[in-house]
Amino acid sequence: MSGGETEARLREVVASAVRRVPGVAFPASGIGGLLRGGQRPVGGRSSGGVRVTALPGGGFGIRVAVAVRRGHRALEVTRAVRRAVTAAVGDEAPGGPLGVTVTVTSVG
């Protein structure tokens, strides 16, 4: 699998893991995430809000942007997203260093 294919696969794996975290309204990607409001994309398959970058020394840097559902604490959701992403990527691409950044863009 090429580097680009690996990154694309990891984006999908990460997006799937993020959508399953309680308190996540949706992965948010820029203006598209804001316009979507609290609704999931058709089919719930978008990897919007997830960026995967191969690191020079090996492994991946992952940036996730999410909207948090009302009634959930952003800090707790952020921590849960980080754990879910770390576990999902570890299962898919074990052994490499991993940097995970989670940003809450809104409460929806």
C-alpha atoms as a PDB file:
ATOM      1  CA  MET A   1       0.000   0.000   0.000  1.00  0.00           C
ATOM      2  CA  SER A   2       1.424   3.423  -0.938  1.00  0.00           C
ATOM      3  CA  GLY A   3       1.812   6.297   1.520  1.00  0.00           C
ATOM      4  CA  GLY A   4      -1.220   8.113   0.095  1.00  0.00           C
ATOM      5  CA  GLU A   5      -3.339   4.960   0.231  1.00  0.00           C
ATOM      6  CA  THR A   6      -2.263   4.332   3.818  1.00  0.00           C
ATOM      7  CA  GLU A   7      -3.172   7.891   4.820  1.00  0.00           C
ATOM      8  CA  ALA A   8      -6.565   7.611   3.089  1.00  0.00           C
ATOM      9  CA  ARG A   9      -7.278   4.295   4.836  1.00  0.00           C
ATOM     10  CA  LEU A  10      -6.267   5.745   8.212  1.00  0.00           C
ATOM     11  CA  ARG A  11      -8.544   8.771   7.626  1.00  0.00           C
ATOM     12  CA  GLU A  12     -11.485   6.413   7.190  1.00  0.00           C
ATOM     13  CA  VAL A  13     -10.491   4.330  10.227  1.00  0.00           C
ATOM     14  CA  VAL A  14     -10.121   7.450  12.368  1.00  0.00           C
ATOM     15  CA  ALA A  15     -13.396   8.989  11.144  1.00  0.00           C
ATOM     16  CA  SER A  16     -15.237   5.759  11.936  1.00  0.00           C
ATOM     17  CA  ALA A  17     -13.734   5.614  15.441  1.00  0.00           C
ATOM     18  CA  VAL A  18     -14.579   9.282  16.074  1.00  0.00           C
ATOM     19  CA  ARG A  19     -18.222   8.850  15.028  1.00  0.00           C
ATOM     20  CA  ARG A  20     -18.639   6.097  17.651  1.00  0.00           C
ATOM     21  CA  VAL A  21     -17.449   8.283  20.561  1.00  0.00           C
ATOM     22  CA  PRO A  22     -20.354   9.309  22.823  1.00  0.00           C
ATOM     23  CA  GLY A  23     -20.830  13.067  22.756  1.00  0.00           C
ATOM     24  CA  VAL A  24     -19.473  13.621  19.242  1.00  0.00           C
ATOM     25  CA  ALA A  25     -22.116  15.337  17.116  1.00  0.00           C
ATOM     26  CA  PHE A  26     -20.074  14.964  13.918  1.00  0.00           C
ATOM     27  CA  PRO A  27     -16.526  15.283  12.586  1.00  0.00           C
ATOM     28  CA  ALA A  28     -16.319  18.965  11.624  1.00  0.00           C
ATOM     29  CA  SER A  29     -14.387  20.236   8.645  1.00  0.00           C
ATOM     30  CA  GLY A  30     -14.190  23.973   8.211  1.00  0.00           C
ATOM     31  CA  ILE A  31     -17.241  25.698   6.800  1.00  0.00           C
ATOM     32  CA  GLY A  32     -18.738  22.374   5.698  1.00  0.00           C
ATOM     33  CA  GLY A  33     -18.868  21.236   9.302  1.00  0.00           C
ATOM     34  CA  LEU A  34     -20.521  24.452  10.375  1.00  0.00           C
ATOM     35  CA  LEU A  35     -23.117  24.314   7.600  1.00  0.00           C
ATOM     36  CA  ARG A  36     -23.946  20.698   8.383  1.00  0.00           C
ATOM     37  CA  GLY A  37     -25.148  21.689  11.850  1.00  0.00           C
ATOM     38  CA  GLY A  38     -25.791  18.673  14.053  1.00  0.00           C
ATOM     39  CA  GLN A  39     -26.494  16.362  11.110  1.00  0.00           C
ATOM     40  CA  ARG A  40     -24.281  13.569   9.898  1.00  0.00           C
ATOM     41  CA  PRO A  41     -23.345  13.450   6.234  1.00  0.00           C
ATOM     42  CA  VAL A  42     -25.486  11.265   4.016  1.00  0.00           C
ATOM     43  CA  GLY A  43     -24.538   7.685   4.783  1.00  0.00           C
ATOM     44  CA  GLY A  44     -22.396   8.817   7.733  1.00  0.00           C
ATOM     45  CA  ARG A  45     -19.223   8.095   5.771  1.00  0.00           C
ATOM     46  CA  SER A  46     -17.423  11.433   5.460  1.00  0.00           C
ATOM     47  CA  SER A  47     -13.908  11.606   6.853  1.00  0.00           C
ATOM     48  CA  GLY A  48     -14.218  15.402   7.022  1.00  0.00           C
ATOM     49  CA  GLY A  49     -12.567  16.845  10.080  1.00  0.00           C
ATOM     50  CA  VAL A  50      -9.767  14.249   9.979  1.00  0.00           C
ATOM     51  CA  ARG A  51      -6.281  14.895   8.633  1.00  0.00           C
ATOM     52  CA  VAL A  52      -3.565  12.257   8.554  1.00  0.00           C
ATOM     53  CA  THR A  53       0.047  13.147   7.786  1.00  0.00           C
ATOM     54  CA  ALA A  54       2.990  10.751   7.562  1.00  0.00           C
ATOM     55  CA  LEU A  55       5.733  11.869   9.963  1.00  0.00           C
ATOM     56  CA  PRO A  56       9.338  12.087   8.673  1.00  0.00           C
ATOM     57  CA  GLY A  57      10.670   9.633  11.269  1.00  0.00           C
ATOM     58  CA  GLY A  58       7.806   7.167  10.781  1.00  0.00           C
ATOM     59  CA  GLY A  59       4.316   7.001  12.154  1.00  0.00           C
ATOM     60  CA  PHE A  60       1.521   9.502  11.653  1.00  0.00           C
ATOM     61  CA  GLY A  61       0.287  12.850  12.870  1.00  0.00           C
ATOM     62  CA  ILE A  62      -3.491  12.955  13.150  1.00  0.00           C
ATOM     63  CA  ARG A  63      -5.640  16.054  13.545  1.00  0.00           C
ATOM     64  CA  VAL A  64      -9.329  15.673  14.340  1.00  0.00           C
ATOM     65  CA  ALA A  65     -11.945  18.427  14.511  1.00  0.00           C
ATOM     66  CA  VAL A  66     -15.294  17.579  16.086  1.00  0.00           C
ATOM     67  CA  ALA A  67     -18.499  19.200  17.190  1.00  0.00           C
ATOM     68  CA  VAL A  68     -19.642  18.156  20.666  1.00  0.00           C
ATOM     69  CA  ARG A  69     -23.283  17.367  21.445  1.00  0.00           C
ATOM     70  CA  ARG A  70     -25.024  19.617  23.925  1.00  0.00           C
ATOM     71  CA  GLY A  71     -24.942  18.242  27.436  1.00  0.00           C
ATOM     72  CA  HIS A  72     -21.495  16.680  27.018  1.00  0.00           C
ATOM     73  CA  ARG A  73     -18.298  18.146  28.429  1.00  0.00           C
ATOM     74  CA  ALA A  74     -15.870  19.091  25.694  1.00  0.00           C
ATOM     75  CA  LEU A  75     -12.845  17.986  27.732  1.00  0.00           C
ATOM     76  CA  GLU A  76     -14.255  14.506  28.354  1.00  0.00           C
ATOM     77  CA  VAL A  77     -15.253  14.094  24.702  1.00  0.00           C
ATOM     78  CA  THR A  78     -11.824  15.290  23.569  1.00  0.00           C
ATOM     79  CA  ARG A  79     -10.085  12.743  25.792  1.00  0.00           C
ATOM     80  CA  ALA A  80     -12.402   9.963  24.593  1.00  0.00           C
ATOM     81  CA  VAL A  81     -11.736  10.898  20.955  1.00  0.00           C
ATOM     82  CA  ARG A  82      -7.976  10.836  21.539  1.00  0.00           C
ATOM     83  CA  ARG A  83      -8.197   7.366  23.157  1.00  0.00           C
ATOM     84  CA  ALA A  84     -10.426   6.041  20.350  1.00  0.00           C
ATOM     85  CA  VAL A  85      -8.131   7.407  17.628  1.00  0.00           C
ATOM     86  CA  THR A  86      -4.991   6.066  19.306  1.00  0.00           C
ATOM     87  CA  ALA A  87      -6.547   2.598  19.643  1.00  0.00           C
ATOM     88  CA  ALA A  88      -7.928   2.538  16.083  1.00  0.00           C
ATOM     89  CA  VAL A  89      -4.663   3.657  14.482  1.00  0.00           C
ATOM     90  CA  GLY A  90      -2.648   1.305  16.693  1.00  0.00           C
ATOM     91  CA  ASP A  91      -4.735  -1.598  15.393  1.00  0.00           C
ATOM     92  CA  GLU A  92      -4.395  -0.463  11.767  1.00  0.00           C
ATOM     93  CA  ALA A  93      -0.765   0.724  11.717  1.00  0.00           C
ATOM     94  CA  PRO A  94       0.997  -0.529  14.855  1.00  0.00           C
ATOM     95  CA  GLY A  95       4.508   0.288  15.889  1.00  0.00           C
ATOM     96  CA  GLY A  96       4.974   3.864  14.769  1.00  0.00           C
ATOM     97  CA  PRO A  97       4.972   7.102  16.737  1.00  0.00           C
ATOM     98  CA  LEU A  98       1.627   8.795  16.796  1.00  0.00           C
ATOM     99  CA  GLY A  99       0.630  12.397  17.407  1.00  0.00           C
ATOM    100  CA  VAL A 100      -3.084  13.059  17.934  1.00  0.00           C
ATOM    101  CA  THR A 101      -4.541  16.558  18.118  1.00  0.00           C
ATOM    102  CA  VAL A 102      -8.265  17.010  18.832  1.00  0.00           C
ATOM    103  CA  THR A 103     -10.019  20.341  18.334  1.00  0.00           C
ATOM    104  CA  VAL A 104     -13.600  21.087  19.368  1.00  0.00           C
ATOM    105  CA  THR A 105     -15.072  23.433  16.770  1.00  0.00           C
ATOM    106  CA  SER A 106     -18.576  23.825  18.162  1.00  0.00           C
ATOM    107  CA  VAL A 107     -21.309  22.492  20.409  1.00  0.00           C
ATOM    108  CA  GLY A 108     -24.283  21.230  18.446  1.00  0.00           C
END
